[in-house]
Structures are given as structure tokens and as C-alpha cells.
């Protein structure tokens, strides 16, 4: 089995139809897009908070 397929269920790899593979791919892509959007938002929030913290050296919050 190819290392590219290592994370997939072997039974699915052996028996899935083209439609089933496409459906699973599209679902995985939507999930990846959602997490990418969330990571981008968190990165921007982190930058904002770091800027605020550096502008206010007495701010000691960790939340």
C-alpha cells in the first residue's frame, strides 16, 4: 500500500466506488478548509493580542 493511502481504511481503499471516494474527498476537503479558516482567525487574533500586550507591558493576562 502506498504511503499516501496509509491513513485510509484498507477495506475502503479496496472496495470503494468512485462516487464514495469523491464524497469522502469532498467531506475531507470541507473539513480541511474549515480548520484552515479557524487557524487563520486564531493567528490573526494572536497577532492582535501580542500587539496589545507589547503596547501595554503591565498587562499580565494569559487568557
Protein backbone atom coordinates (compact mmCIF):
# COMPACT_ATOMS: atom_id res chain seq x y z
CA UNK A 1 0.00 0.00 0.00
CA UNK A 2 1.25 3.44 -0.88
CA UNK A 3 2.19 5.75 1.99
CA UNK A 4 -0.31 8.22 0.50
CA UNK A 5 -3.06 5.72 1.32
CA UNK A 6 -1.68 4.85 4.76
CA UNK A 7 -4.31 6.90 6.62
CA UNK A 8 -7.24 5.29 4.81
CA UNK A 9 -9.25 2.25 5.81
CA UNK A 10 -7.86 -0.68 3.77
CA UNK A 11 -11.37 -2.04 3.17
CA UNK A 12 -12.46 1.35 1.82
CA UNK A 13 -9.39 1.53 -0.42
CA UNK A 14 -10.05 -1.95 -1.78
CA UNK A 15 -13.80 -1.65 -2.33
CA UNK A 16 -14.99 1.96 -2.54
CA UNK A 17 -16.71 3.20 -5.67
CA UNK A 18 -15.62 6.37 -7.43
CA UNK A 19 -18.67 8.15 -6.01
CA UNK A 20 -17.88 7.04 -2.46
CA UNK A 21 -14.27 8.19 -2.82
CA UNK A 22 -15.40 11.54 -4.25
CA UNK A 23 -17.90 12.01 -1.40
CA UNK A 24 -15.26 11.26 1.24
CA UNK A 25 -12.73 13.51 -0.50
CA UNK A 26 -15.18 16.42 -0.66
CA UNK A 27 -16.09 15.98 3.01
CA UNK A 28 -12.42 15.90 3.99
CA UNK A 29 -11.71 18.99 1.88
CA UNK A 30 -14.56 20.94 3.53
CA UNK A 31 -13.23 19.95 6.95
CA UNK A 32 -9.70 20.98 5.99
CA UNK A 33 -10.98 24.32 4.70
CA UNK A 34 -12.88 24.91 7.95
CA UNK A 35 -9.77 24.20 10.04
CA UNK A 36 -7.67 26.39 7.76
CA UNK A 37 -10.12 29.27 8.28
CA UNK A 38 -10.08 28.69 12.03
CA UNK A 39 -6.28 28.58 12.13
CA UNK A 40 -6.09 31.84 10.15
CA UNK A 41 -8.55 33.54 12.52
CA UNK A 42 -6.60 32.33 15.55
CA UNK A 43 -3.32 33.54 14.01
CA UNK A 44 -4.81 36.99 13.45
CA UNK A 45 -6.20 37.06 17.00
CA UNK A 46 -2.81 36.01 18.37
CA UNK A 47 -1.09 38.83 16.48
CA UNK A 48 -3.65 41.33 17.76
CA UNK A 49 -3.23 40.19 21.36
CA UNK A 50 0.57 40.21 21.09
CA UNK A 51 0.41 43.76 19.75
CA UNK A 52 -1.87 44.76 22.64
CA UNK A 53 0.42 43.08 25.17
CA UNK A 54 3.53 44.79 23.81
CA UNK A 55 1.75 48.15 23.87
CA UNK A 56 0.74 47.57 27.49
CA UNK A 57 3.68 46.00 29.39
CA UNK A 58 1.72 45.90 32.66
CA UNK A 59 -0.87 43.57 31.15
CA UNK A 60 -0.11 40.14 32.54
CA UNK A 61 -3.16 38.15 31.49
CA UNK A 62 -2.70 34.76 29.91
CA UNK A 63 -6.22 34.18 28.68
